[in-house]
Amino acid sequence: MNDAPPATGANGSAADPGGAARLVRRATYAAVVAAASMIAAKAAAWALTESVSVLSSLVDSLLDVAASTVNLLAVRHALTPPDREHRFGHGKAEPLAGLAQAAFITGSAVLLVLEAINRLSFPQPVSNSAIGIAVIGFSMAVTLALVAFQRAVVKRTGSVAVSADSLHYASDLILNGSVIASLVLAGWFGWQAVDPIFALAIGVYILWSALRIARMSLDLLMDRELPDVDRARIKTIAMAHPEVRNVHDLRTRSTGPQIFVQMHLELDGAMPLMRAHAIADAVEASIRDAFPSAEVIIHQDPEGVEDVRPNVAAH
């Protein structure tokens, strides 16, 4: 279970905290504006078509605005610099926003499923399907542009809030494609049962997306270790220093845009303290080169002396 976004942010642009913060803010603003524009278009389309599939897409966009607004506020708080009461920063506001998004998405899915079941029991004809198709096509174009921008931001910043938002809007592409198929089959071929059936399937898919977002957010809130590939890379970097004999008690966690690394280096026991300190600084610098958003804490131990702590698994 490793669905968390890359916790590294390990690329050159992430080394510019100010630039990363601006990108994340722009991504949240773009999501709110895009969702608001789609609401207006879909509301008009639903009024003209009375399609439950179009309604499902409208409900999803309404929830999108609410979720993206929560996201915007959470990201603004998460980007607040560390202060006296929050020495590790405010990054966990991002996974909290992810949980809020999961709740919003779950609510929209439940409403959609209930409406689809009702429409299966009491079928209604779909009218003006061509207008509905045009509006949903417009929504897909807006969503595609938004998702492309969000994924570029996630690649450069590692933001879990923007990643959750991107996953949500990416699922909207499948949702809207299903709505178009439903409108074509119901409006042009008279297959009325297809409309609620598609809506029901979309509701199930939205629920699955909500579970993924919730799991990703909980991993960060519960201080889940970084992926094994990142942990192995950190250890390899530390062991690359010629005077490091071994590494133990490696601990990692992520708050979304920032990661935290703690480890013990085993060094020659006869080494002067100043030299041990210089080695730790060099290892820290190498790790930060690979993981620019990392805060690294290193403890130096004499070789062969491992600080074994109770109830803590050795790594």
Protein backbone atom coordinates (compact mmCIF):
# COMPACT_ATOMS: atom_id res chain seq x y z
CA MET A 1 0.00 0.00 0.00
CA ASN A 2 2.13 2.84 -1.30
CA ASP A 3 -0.19 5.24 -3.07
CA ALA A 4 1.35 8.32 -1.49
CA PRO A 5 2.70 10.86 -3.95
CA PRO A 6 6.46 11.09 -4.32
CA ALA A 7 7.51 12.46 -0.97
CA THR A 8 10.77 13.62 -2.33
CA GLY A 9 10.11 16.66 -4.38
CA ALA A 10 13.60 15.67 -5.42
CA ASN A 11 14.25 17.93 -8.30
CA GLY A 12 15.87 21.25 -8.80
CA SER A 13 12.76 23.38 -8.70
CA ALA A 14 11.73 22.05 -5.31
CA ALA A 15 14.86 23.61 -3.95
CA ASP A 16 13.19 27.00 -4.43
CA PRO A 17 10.61 27.11 -1.60
CA GLY A 18 9.21 30.45 -2.74
CA GLY A 19 8.70 29.26 -6.31
CA ALA A 20 7.12 25.99 -5.15
CA ALA A 21 4.74 27.87 -2.87
CA ARG A 22 3.63 30.13 -5.72
CA LEU A 23 2.97 27.13 -7.96
CA VAL A 24 0.90 25.37 -5.30
CA ARG A 25 -1.17 28.50 -4.68
CA ARG A 26 -1.79 28.96 -8.41
CA ALA A 27 -2.91 25.34 -8.70
CA THR A 28 -5.49 25.81 -5.94
CA TYR A 29 -6.81 29.03 -7.47
CA ALA A 30 -7.03 27.39 -10.91
CA ALA A 31 -9.06 24.49 -9.47
CA VAL A 32 -11.65 26.80 -7.88
CA VAL A 33 -12.05 28.91 -11.05
CA ALA A 34 -12.31 25.83 -13.30
CA ALA A 35 -14.91 24.13 -11.09
CA ALA A 36 -17.00 27.32 -10.87
CA SER A 37 -17.06 27.72 -14.65
CA MET A 38 -18.13 24.11 -15.11
CA ILE A 39 -20.97 24.47 -12.59
CA ALA A 40 -22.57 27.25 -14.63
CA ALA A 41 -22.35 25.25 -17.86
CA LYS A 42 -23.59 21.98 -16.37
CA ALA A 43 -26.50 23.62 -14.54
CA ALA A 44 -27.76 24.98 -17.85
CA ALA A 45 -27.23 21.60 -19.54
CA TRP A 46 -29.14 19.73 -16.82
CA ALA A 47 -32.05 22.19 -17.02
CA LEU A 48 -32.30 21.53 -20.76
CA THR A 49 -31.71 17.76 -20.81
CA GLU A 50 -33.01 16.51 -17.42
CA SER A 51 -30.39 13.78 -17.69
CA VAL A 52 -29.41 12.15 -14.41
CA SER A 53 -25.94 11.59 -15.85
CA VAL A 54 -25.58 15.34 -16.43
CA LEU A 55 -26.94 15.87 -12.90
CA SER A 56 -24.28 13.51 -11.60
CA SER A 57 -21.60 15.59 -13.28
CA LEU A 58 -23.17 18.82 -11.92
CA VAL A 59 -23.25 17.44 -8.36
CA ASP A 60 -19.63 16.40 -8.72
CA SER A 61 -18.66 19.92 -9.84
CA LEU A 62 -20.54 21.47 -6.91
CA LEU A 63 -18.54 19.26 -4.59
CA ASP A 64 -15.41 20.13 -6.56
CA VAL A 65 -15.83 23.81 -5.70
CA ALA A 66 -16.32 23.03 -2.02
CA ALA A 67 -13.37 20.63 -1.92
CA SER A 68 -11.09 22.93 -3.89
CA THR A 69 -11.97 25.87 -1.64
CA VAL A 70 -11.07 23.80 1.44
CA ASN A 71 -7.90 22.83 -0.41
CA LEU A 72 -7.04 26.46 -1.11
CA LEU A 73 -7.43 27.46 2.54
CA ALA A 74 -5.48 24.42 3.77
CA VAL A 75 -2.61 25.03 1.35
CA ARG A 76 -2.36 28.67 2.42
CA HIS A 77 -2.03 27.46 6.02
CA ALA A 78 0.38 24.65 5.13
CA LEU A 79 2.71 27.12 3.41
CA THR A 80 2.94 29.27 6.54
CA PRO A 81 6.57 29.15 7.77
CA PRO A 82 7.36 27.31 11.03
CA ASP A 83 6.75 29.34 14.16
CA ARG A 84 7.42 29.02 17.87
CA GLU A 85 4.41 26.73 18.44
CA HIS A 86 4.85 24.70 15.23
CA ARG A 87 8.57 24.07 14.82
CA PHE A 88 8.00 21.42 12.14
CA GLY A 89 5.83 23.76 10.10
CA HIS A 90 2.16 23.49 9.16
CA GLY A 91 2.43 20.92 6.37
CA LYS A 92 -0.12 18.51 7.87
CA ALA A 93 -2.85 20.94 6.91
CA GLU A 94 -2.50 19.40 3.43
CA PRO A 95 -3.44 15.80 4.33
CA LEU A 96 -6.24 17.19 6.52
CA ALA A 97 -7.55 18.89 3.39
CA GLY A 98 -7.20 15.55 1.60
CA LEU A 99 -9.45 13.90 4.20
CA ALA A 100 -11.97 16.71 3.79
CA GLN A 101 -11.90 16.15 0.03
CA ALA A 102 -12.50 12.43 0.54
CA ALA A 103 -15.55 13.26 2.66
CA PHE A 104 -16.89 15.67 0.02
CA ILE A 105 -16.36 13.13 -2.74
CA THR A 106 -18.05 10.38 -0.73
CA GLY A 107 -21.06 12.62 -0.16
CA SER A 108 -21.40 13.38 -3.86
CA ALA A 109 -21.12 9.69 -4.72
CA VAL A 110 -23.85 8.70 -2.24
CA LEU A 111 -26.21 11.39 -3.58
CA LEU A 112 -25.52 10.26 -7.13
CA VAL A 113 -26.15 6.57 -6.36
CA LEU A 114 -29.46 7.40 -4.67
CA GLU A 115 -30.62 9.53 -7.62
CA ALA A 116 -29.56 6.83 -10.09
CA ILE A 117 -31.55 4.19 -8.19
CA ASN A 118 -34.57 6.48 -8.15
CA ARG A 119 -34.27 7.11 -11.90
CA LEU A 120 -34.02 3.35 -12.55
CA SER A 121 -37.33 2.92 -10.72
CA PHE A 122 -38.97 5.89 -12.46
CA PRO A 123 -37.35 6.34 -15.92
CA GLN A 124 -37.49 9.74 -17.60
CA PRO A 125 -36.64 10.59 -21.21
CA VAL A 126 -33.50 12.56 -22.05
CA SER A 127 -34.03 15.67 -24.21
CA ASN A 128 -31.68 18.11 -25.94
CA SER A 129 -28.87 15.58 -25.73
CA ALA A 130 -26.75 17.47 -28.27
CA ILE A 131 -26.58 20.49 -25.93
CA GLY A 132 -25.64 18.24 -23.05
CA ILE A 133 -22.87 16.62 -25.10
CA ALA A 134 -21.46 20.02 -26.09
CA VAL A 135 -21.44 21.25 -22.48
CA ILE A 136 -19.82 18.09 -21.13
CA GLY A 137 -17.24 18.27 -23.94
CA PHE A 138 -16.40 21.80 -22.81
CA SER A 139 -16.08 20.58 -19.23
CA MET A 140 -13.73 17.81 -20.30
CA ALA A 141 -11.48 20.31 -22.11
CA VAL A 142 -11.31 22.56 -19.02
CA THR A 143 -10.67 19.57 -16.74
CA LEU A 144 -7.93 18.19 -18.98
CA ALA A 145 -6.09 21.53 -18.95
CA LEU A 146 -6.46 21.77 -15.15
CA VAL A 147 -5.19 18.21 -14.52
CA ALA A 148 -2.17 18.78 -16.78
CA PHE A 149 -1.28 21.92 -14.82
CA GLN A 150 -1.85 20.24 -11.45
CA ARG A 151 0.35 17.26 -12.34
CA ALA A 152 3.13 19.58 -13.42
CA VAL A 153 2.85 21.35 -10.05
CA VAL A 154 2.87 18.04 -8.14
CA LYS A 155 5.95 16.88 -10.05
CA ARG A 156 7.82 20.04 -9.01
CA THR A 157 6.52 20.43 -5.44
CA GLY A 158 5.31 17.04 -4.14
CA SER A 159 2.16 18.75 -2.73
CA VAL A 160 -0.25 16.11 -1.40
CA ALA A 161 -3.18 18.53 -1.44
CA VAL A 162 -2.71 19.34 -5.13
CA SER A 163 -2.10 15.64 -5.82
CA ALA A 164 -5.42 14.72 -4.19
CA ASP A 165 -7.17 17.46 -6.14
CA SER A 166 -5.56 16.24 -9.37
CA LEU A 167 -6.70 12.67 -8.70
CA HIS A 168 -10.20 13.96 -8.12
CA TYR A 169 -10.34 15.95 -11.35
CA ALA A 170 -8.73 13.12 -13.31
CA SER A 171 -11.62 10.90 -12.23
CA ASP A 172 -13.93 13.61 -13.57
CA LEU A 173 -12.57 12.97 -17.07
CA ILE A 174 -13.83 9.38 -16.89
CA LEU A 175 -17.09 10.58 -15.36
CA ASN A 176 -17.70 13.12 -18.13
CA GLY A 177 -16.80 10.62 -20.83
CA SER A 178 -19.41 8.27 -19.38
CA VAL A 179 -21.96 11.09 -19.36
CA ILE A 180 -21.40 11.72 -23.07
CA ALA A 181 -21.82 8.01 -23.81
CA SER A 182 -25.01 7.99 -21.77
CA LEU A 183 -26.41 11.03 -23.59
CA VAL A 184 -25.66 9.49 -26.98
CA LEU A 185 -27.28 6.14 -26.14
CA ALA A 186 -30.29 7.61 -24.31
CA GLY A 187 -30.92 10.66 -26.50
CA TRP A 188 -30.16 9.27 -29.95
CA PHE A 189 -31.00 5.57 -29.55
CA GLY A 190 -33.72 5.75 -26.89
CA TRP A 191 -31.95 3.50 -24.39
CA GLN A 192 -33.37 5.25 -21.32
CA ALA A 193 -32.05 2.73 -18.77
CA VAL A 194 -28.47 3.49 -19.82
CA ASP A 195 -28.60 6.97 -18.25
CA PRO A 196 -29.10 5.86 -14.59
CA ILE A 197 -26.93 2.76 -15.06
CA PHE A 198 -24.01 4.91 -16.16
CA ALA A 199 -24.67 7.29 -13.27
CA LEU A 200 -24.63 4.36 -10.84
CA ALA A 201 -21.31 3.11 -12.21
CA ILE A 202 -19.86 6.62 -11.95
CA GLY A 203 -20.95 6.81 -8.30
CA VAL A 204 -19.10 3.60 -7.49
CA TYR A 205 -15.97 4.89 -9.25
CA ILE A 206 -16.12 8.17 -7.31
CA LEU A 207 -16.32 6.23 -4.03
CA TRP A 208 -13.21 4.29 -5.01
CA SER A 209 -11.39 7.57 -5.73
CA ALA A 210 -12.42 8.90 -2.32
CA LEU A 211 -10.93 5.84 -0.63
CA ARG A 212 -7.60 6.38 -2.42
CA ILE A 213 -7.45 10.02 -1.36
CA ALA A 214 -8.35 9.16 2.24
CA ARG A 215 -5.69 6.45 2.41
CA MET A 216 -3.03 8.77 1.00
CA SER A 217 -3.94 11.47 3.54
CA LEU A 218 -3.99 9.07 6.49
CA ASP A 219 -0.53 7.78 5.54
CA LEU A 220 0.83 11.30 5.93
CA LEU A 221 -1.09 12.08 9.12
CA MET A 222 0.12 8.82 10.69
CA ASP A 223 3.75 9.58 9.73
CA ARG A 224 4.07 6.63 7.35
CA GLU A 225 7.64 5.94 6.26
CA LEU A 226 8.74 7.10 2.83
CA PRO A 227 8.58 4.47 0.06
CA ASP A 228 11.28 1.79 0.28
CA VAL A 229 13.00 3.11 -2.84
CA ASP A 230 13.49 6.52 -1.20
CA ARG A 231 14.70 5.02 2.07
CA ALA A 232 17.19 2.84 0.20
CA ARG A 233 18.40 5.88 -1.72
CA ILE A 234 18.93 7.85 1.50
CA LYS A 235 20.94 5.01 3.03
CA THR A 236 23.01 4.62 -0.15
CA ILE A 237 23.85 8.34 -0.09
CA ALA A 238 24.93 8.16 3.54
CA MET A 239 27.05 5.03 2.99
CA ALA A 240 28.74 6.66 -0.01
CA HIS A 241 30.87 8.79 2.32
CA PRO A 242 34.19 6.93 2.69
CA GLU A 243 34.32 7.42 6.47
CA VAL A 244 30.81 6.20 7.24
CA ARG A 245 31.00 2.61 8.46
CA ASN A 246 27.29 1.93 8.79
CA VAL A 247 23.82 3.51 9.10
CA HIS A 248 21.11 2.48 11.53
CA ASP A 249 17.84 3.72 13.04
CA LEU A 250 16.81 5.45 9.80
CA ARG A 251 13.45 7.16 10.27
CA THR A 252 11.52 9.12 7.67
CA ARG A 253 8.18 10.85 7.39
CA SER A 254 6.45 13.38 5.19
CA THR A 255 4.04 16.26 5.68
CA GLY A 256 3.41 16.57 1.96
CA PRO A 257 5.74 19.24 0.57
CA GLN A 258 8.44 18.59 3.21
CA ILE A 259 10.07 15.40 4.40
CA PHE A 260 11.98 14.65 7.60
CA VAL A 261 14.92 12.26 7.83
CA GLN A 262 16.62 11.03 11.01
CA MET A 263 19.48 8.53 11.16
CA HIS A 264 22.49 7.37 13.14
CA LEU A 265 25.90 7.22 11.44
CA GLU A 266 28.47 4.74 12.71
CA LEU A 267 31.97 6.24 12.59
CA ASP A 268 35.45 5.40 13.84
CA GLY A 269 35.23 5.56 17.64
CA ALA A 270 38.63 7.23 17.90
CA MET A 271 37.65 10.03 15.54
CA PRO A 272 37.74 13.61 16.94
CA LEU A 273 34.36 15.20 17.53
CA MET A 274 35.05 17.98 15.02
CA ARG A 275 35.73 15.44 12.27
CA ALA A 276 32.57 13.46 13.12
CA HIS A 277 30.58 16.68 12.95
CA ALA A 278 32.07 17.54 9.54
CA ILE A 279 31.17 14.08 8.17
CA ALA A 280 27.58 14.42 9.40
CA ASP A 281 27.33 17.83 7.73
CA ALA A 282 28.64 16.39 4.45
CA VAL A 283 26.15 13.50 4.53
CA GLU A 284 23.32 15.91 5.34
CA ALA A 285 24.28 18.12 2.39
CA SER A 286 24.33 15.12 0.04
CA ILE A 287 20.86 14.02 1.17
CA ARG A 288 19.50 17.53 0.73
CA ASP A 289 20.96 17.65 -2.78
CA ALA A 290 18.87 14.59 -3.66
CA PHE A 291 15.86 15.60 -1.56
CA PRO A 292 15.78 19.42 -1.53
CA SER A 293 12.71 19.63 0.71
CA ALA A 294 14.25 17.41 3.41
CA GLU A 295 15.08 18.38 6.97
CA VAL A 296 17.85 16.01 8.08
CA ILE A 297 18.89 15.18 11.65
CA ILE A 298 21.98 12.99 12.11
CA HIS A 299 23.37 11.42 15.27
CA GLN A 300 26.94 10.10 15.33
CA ASP A 301 27.73 6.76 17.03
CA PRO A 302 31.04 4.91 17.50
CA GLU A 303 31.21 1.95 15.13
CA GLY A 304 29.48 -1.11 16.54
CA VAL A 305 27.54 0.79 19.20
CA GLU A 306 23.91 0.84 18.16
CA ASP A 307 21.36 2.78 20.17
CA VAL A 308 18.61 0.17 20.50
CA ARG A 309 15.36 1.75 21.61
CA PRO A 310 12.50 -0.29 23.12
CA ASN A 311 9.52 -1.05 20.87
CA VAL A 312 11.26 0.47 17.84
CA ALA A 313 12.03 -1.82 14.92
CA ALA A 314 15.65 -1.68 13.72
CA HIS A 315 16.17 -0.42 10.18
